[in-house]
Amino acid sequence: VSTAPQSALPSHPNITSVGHLTPEGWEELLRSHKFLLGLGDPLVGPSAIDAIAAGAMFLNPHYRQPKLDHYLSQHPFAESSTPDSVCAFELEGAGEDLIKCVEKAVGRDLAPSVPKDLTTASYMQRLKDIFKDHLL
């Protein structure tokens, strides 16, 4: 998804720019595809979780050198919390591991899922833990 004008984007017969999408359009796009390819930025952005929640695998790029002195991949939370829905590849590698991730994603039907830490129950428990000394 890009806001760049079509004329500014490189042309490739297997890539289609969909332009800006509404939230509903974004969700539908993710539900209709097998994977979302992480390009390395933004770090820990919401799109990886959106993809997993829609039943698409997130292809998570790993870096040779940490970004911001800490991040070794674009979305370490997604990778650790939903490992069956994430496939890691070397962003600066030769591409073999990326091809394996694409093959893995295309060969699977993933159920939509939400990481446990992002469920309503987990959120409510965190609120209770934070405010337990202040609530009746």
Protein backbone atom coordinates (compact mmCIF):
# COMPACT_ATOMS: atom_id res chain seq x y z
CA VAL A 1 0.00 0.00 0.00
CA SER A 2 1.51 3.28 -1.04
CA THR A 3 0.39 6.88 -1.39
CA ALA A 4 2.97 7.48 -4.13
CA PRO A 5 1.55 8.27 -7.57
CA GLN A 6 1.38 5.25 -9.90
CA SER A 7 3.85 6.93 -12.27
CA ALA A 8 6.48 7.07 -9.49
CA LEU A 9 6.34 3.34 -8.76
CA PRO A 10 8.46 0.76 -10.56
CA SER A 11 6.52 -1.46 -12.90
CA HIS A 12 6.50 -5.25 -12.57
CA PRO A 13 3.99 -7.68 -14.10
CA ASN A 14 3.47 -9.52 -10.78
CA ILE A 15 3.07 -6.47 -8.56
CA THR A 16 -0.01 -4.30 -8.37
CA SER A 17 -0.16 -1.05 -6.45
CA VAL A 18 -3.48 -0.75 -4.66
CA GLY A 19 -2.90 2.80 -3.49
CA HIS A 20 -4.43 4.15 -0.31
CA LEU A 21 -7.03 1.87 1.31
CA THR A 22 -9.69 2.38 3.92
CA PRO A 23 -9.28 0.30 7.09
CA GLU A 24 -11.97 -2.05 5.75
CA GLY A 25 -10.20 -2.30 2.40
CA TRP A 26 -6.90 -3.07 4.15
CA GLU A 27 -8.52 -5.85 6.19
CA GLU A 28 -10.13 -7.34 3.07
CA LEU A 29 -6.81 -7.21 1.21
CA LEU A 30 -5.07 -9.07 4.04
CA ARG A 31 -7.85 -11.67 4.29
CA SER A 32 -7.55 -12.38 0.58
CA HIS A 33 -3.76 -12.99 0.62
CA LYS A 34 -1.47 -15.62 2.11
CA PHE A 35 1.26 -13.33 3.44
CA LEU A 36 2.43 -9.80 4.15
CA LEU A 37 6.06 -9.10 3.31
CA GLY A 38 7.85 -6.91 5.83
CA LEU A 39 10.23 -4.48 4.16
CA GLY A 40 12.19 -3.59 7.31
CA ASP A 41 10.37 -0.43 8.38
CA PRO A 42 8.49 0.67 10.40
CA LEU A 43 9.76 -1.18 13.42
CA VAL A 44 7.00 -2.97 15.34
CA GLY A 45 4.26 -1.36 13.23
CA PRO A 46 0.66 -2.57 13.36
CA SER A 47 0.56 -4.19 9.90
CA ALA A 48 2.18 -7.44 11.08
CA ILE A 49 -0.52 -7.92 13.72
CA ASP A 50 -3.19 -6.89 11.19
CA ALA A 51 -1.97 -9.62 8.84
CA ILE A 52 -1.89 -12.31 11.53
CA ALA A 53 -5.37 -11.30 12.72
CA ALA A 54 -6.58 -11.72 9.12
CA GLY A 55 -5.03 -15.19 8.75
CA ALA A 56 -2.04 -14.11 6.64
CA MET A 57 1.55 -14.99 7.52
CA PHE A 58 3.91 -12.13 8.27
CA LEU A 59 7.32 -12.48 6.62
CA ASN A 60 9.59 -10.84 9.18
CA PRO A 61 12.91 -9.40 8.00
CA HIS A 62 15.92 -9.86 10.28
CA TYR A 63 18.82 -7.39 10.27
CA ARG A 64 22.54 -8.10 10.35
CA GLN A 65 23.05 -5.16 12.70
CA PRO A 66 20.49 -4.10 15.33
CA LYS A 67 18.34 -1.10 14.52
CA LEU A 68 18.11 1.52 17.26
CA ASP A 69 20.65 -0.59 19.18
CA HIS A 70 17.96 -3.14 20.00
CA TYR A 71 15.83 -4.52 17.17
CA LEU A 72 17.17 -7.54 15.32
CA SER A 73 13.98 -7.86 13.26
CA GLN A 74 11.15 -5.66 12.09
CA HIS A 75 8.62 -7.19 14.46
CA PRO A 76 10.10 -9.29 17.29
CA PHE A 77 6.80 -9.19 19.22
CA ALA A 78 4.88 -10.84 16.37
CA GLU A 79 7.59 -13.45 15.95
CA SER A 80 7.71 -14.37 19.65
CA SER A 81 3.97 -14.20 20.35
CA THR A 82 2.64 -15.96 17.23
CA PRO A 83 5.52 -18.07 15.88
CA ASP A 84 3.29 -20.22 13.65
CA SER A 85 2.10 -17.09 11.84
CA VAL A 86 5.53 -15.52 11.25
CA CYS A 87 8.43 -16.59 9.07
CA ALA A 88 11.83 -14.93 9.46
CA PHE A 89 14.23 -14.12 6.64
CA GLU A 90 17.50 -12.21 6.31
CA LEU A 91 16.73 -8.79 4.84
CA GLU A 92 20.23 -8.45 3.38
CA GLY A 93 20.61 -12.12 2.46
CA ALA A 94 20.69 -13.77 -0.95
CA GLY A 95 16.97 -14.48 -0.87
CA GLU A 96 16.82 -18.25 -0.39
CA ASP A 97 15.26 -17.95 3.06
CA LEU A 98 12.74 -15.43 1.76
CA ILE A 99 11.72 -17.87 -0.99
CA LYS A 100 11.31 -20.58 1.68
CA CYS A 101 9.09 -18.24 3.70
CA VAL A 102 6.93 -17.49 0.66
CA GLU A 103 6.61 -21.23 -0.08
CA LYS A 104 5.72 -21.89 3.56
CA ALA A 105 3.06 -19.17 3.54
CA VAL A 106 1.55 -20.25 0.23
CA GLY A 107 1.42 -23.89 1.38
CA ARG A 108 -0.55 -23.17 4.56
CA ASP A 109 -4.02 -22.06 5.50
CA LEU A 110 -3.68 -20.05 8.68
CA ALA A 111 -6.60 -19.32 10.92
CA PRO A 112 -6.97 -15.69 11.94
CA SER A 113 -5.45 -15.20 15.38
CA VAL A 114 -4.66 -12.51 17.90
CA PRO A 115 -1.56 -12.65 20.10
CA LYS A 116 -2.58 -13.54 23.67
CA ASP A 117 -1.14 -10.27 25.04
CA LEU A 118 -3.50 -8.32 22.76
CA THR A 119 -6.73 -10.07 23.72
CA THR A 120 -9.42 -8.30 25.72
CA ALA A 121 -8.91 -10.70 28.63
CA SER A 122 -5.18 -9.94 28.84
CA TYR A 123 -5.81 -6.21 28.58
CA MET A 124 -8.39 -6.31 31.37
CA GLN A 125 -6.03 -8.34 33.56
CA ARG A 126 -3.27 -5.75 33.06
CA LEU A 127 -5.68 -2.98 34.05
CA LYS A 128 -6.70 -4.88 37.19
CA ASP A 129 -3.06 -5.48 38.09
CA ILE A 130 -2.16 -1.82 37.61
CA PHE A 131 -5.11 -0.44 39.57
CA LYS A 132 -5.65 -3.22 42.13
CA ASP A 133 -4.61 -0.99 45.03
CA HIS A 134 -6.93 1.83 43.90
CA LEU A 135 -10.15 -0.04 43.11
CA LEU A 136 -12.78 -1.21 45.55
